Protein backbone atom coordinates (compact mmCIF):
# COMPACT_ATOMS: atom_id res chain seq x y z
CA MET A 1 7.28 186.88 158.37
CA ALA A 2 4.93 184.36 159.98
CA ARG A 3 5.33 182.03 157.01
CA VAL A 4 9.11 182.10 157.41
CA LEU A 5 8.82 181.35 161.13
CA LEU A 6 6.46 178.45 160.46
CA ARG A 7 8.86 177.03 157.87
CA LEU A 8 11.71 177.29 160.35
CA LEU A 9 9.61 175.61 163.05
CA ALA A 10 8.64 172.77 160.69
CA LEU A 11 12.29 172.30 159.70
CA LEU A 12 13.43 172.26 163.33
CA LEU A 13 10.72 169.74 164.23
CA LEU A 14 11.73 167.50 161.33
CA VAL A 15 15.41 167.66 162.31
CA GLY A 16 14.53 167.00 165.95
CA ALA A 17 12.35 164.05 164.99
CA ALA A 18 15.12 162.63 162.75
CA LEU A 19 17.69 162.97 165.54
CA THR A 20 15.32 161.37 168.04
CA TRP A 21 14.64 158.52 165.62
CA ALA A 22 18.37 158.06 164.95
CA SER A 23 19.12 157.87 168.67
CA GLY A 24 16.89 154.82 168.96
CA ALA A 25 13.71 156.36 170.36
CA ARG A 26 10.77 155.48 168.16
CA SER A 27 8.39 158.02 169.69
CA ALA A 28 9.32 160.77 167.21
CA GLY A 29 6.71 159.65 164.67
CA PRO A 30 3.89 162.00 165.76
CA VAL A 31 6.25 165.00 165.79
CA ALA A 32 7.54 164.14 162.33
CA ILE A 33 4.00 163.73 161.00
CA GLY A 34 2.96 167.10 162.45
CA ALA A 35 6.00 168.80 160.95
CA LEU A 36 5.34 167.22 157.55
CA ILE A 37 1.69 168.33 157.62
CA THR A 38 2.80 171.88 158.46
CA ALA A 39 5.38 171.91 155.66
CA ILE A 40 2.89 170.55 153.11
CA ALA A 41 0.27 173.10 154.17
CA LEU A 42 2.75 175.95 153.75
CA VAL A 43 3.76 174.79 150.27
CA GLY A 44 0.10 174.27 149.30
CA GLU A 45 -0.87 177.73 150.53
CA ARG A 46 1.90 179.38 148.56
CA TRP A 47 0.88 177.51 145.40
CA GLN A 48 -2.79 178.42 145.88
CA TYR A 49 -2.17 182.14 146.29
CA ARG A 50 0.37 182.28 143.48
CA ARG A 51 -2.23 180.71 141.16
CA GLN A 52 -4.88 183.26 142.19
CA ALA A 53 -2.53 186.22 141.77
CA ARG A 54 -1.96 185.76 138.04
CA PRO A 55 -2.51 189.03 136.18
CA SER A 56 -5.70 189.46 134.21
CA LEU A 57 -5.58 190.38 130.56
CA ALA A 58 -6.86 193.78 129.51
CA ARG A 59 -9.60 192.18 127.41
CA ASP A 60 -11.04 190.53 130.56
CA TRP A 61 -12.07 193.88 132.06
CA GLN A 62 -15.34 195.60 131.14
CA ASP A 63 -16.48 199.09 132.05
CA ASN A 64 -19.63 198.75 134.17
CA GLY A 65 -20.65 202.41 133.90
CA GLU A 66 -20.05 203.35 137.54
CA ARG A 67 -18.18 206.60 138.22
CA PHE A 68 -17.28 208.22 141.53
CA VAL A 69 -14.86 210.65 143.11
CA ASP A 70 -12.34 209.03 145.43
CA PRO A 71 -12.52 210.94 148.72
CA GLY A 72 -8.86 210.20 149.51
CA SER A 73 -7.30 211.50 146.31
CA GLY A 74 -10.11 213.62 144.85
CA ARG A 75 -9.73 211.82 141.50
CA ARG A 76 -12.70 210.75 139.41
CA LEU A 77 -12.59 206.97 138.93
CA LYS A 78 -14.50 204.51 136.79
CA VAL A 79 -15.20 200.93 137.84
CA GLN A 80 -14.22 197.98 135.70
CA PHE A 81 -15.47 194.44 136.22
CA ASN A 82 -13.90 191.09 135.36
CA ALA A 83 -16.78 188.72 134.61
CA ALA A 84 -14.56 185.63 134.84
CA THR A 85 -13.38 186.27 138.41
CA GLY A 86 -15.89 188.76 139.82
CA GLU A 87 -13.08 191.21 140.61
CA ARG A 88 -13.54 194.96 140.42
CA ARG A 89 -10.83 197.52 139.80
CA TYR A 90 -10.77 201.28 139.74
CA VAL A 91 -9.32 203.20 136.81
CA PRO A 92 -8.87 206.98 136.62
CA ASP A 93 -11.62 208.42 134.42
CA GLU A 94 -9.35 210.90 132.72
CA PRO A 95 -8.53 211.10 129.02
CA GLY A 96 -5.23 209.40 128.26
CA SER A 97 -4.90 207.74 131.66
CA ALA A 98 -4.67 203.96 131.59
CA ARG A 99 -3.25 203.20 135.05
CA ALA A 100 -5.49 200.73 136.86
CA THR A 101 -5.80 200.72 140.63
CA GLU A 102 -6.34 197.37 142.27
CA PRO A 103 -8.86 197.15 145.13
CA GLY A 104 -7.39 198.28 148.41
CA GLN A 105 -5.13 200.95 146.92
CA ASP A 106 -5.90 204.67 147.15
CA GLY A 107 -8.08 204.00 150.20
CA ILE A 108 -10.89 202.35 148.25
CA GLY A 109 -12.48 198.99 148.34
């Protein structure tokens, strides 16, 4: 929601600066520069997080031998580690269960 509001603000500032410039006042430059910096930062942030959120392949994850019982769900979980990124994920330690839980889900980590 905040990202949408910032985009709207940057757009409004750019339009206001363009209208001010078109009316003959040349003092709209700093406002236009600020709006452009905001817009570029928002686009750059989105690109950065999209790049980081790419899914890992199953072969990237290794079992590190840790096991524990999740106090929230009561399920026994095993910990897997991705050596390339340093991420950890929690997988139910039950035969036939392959659903992985990303950190932050099920009240853990």
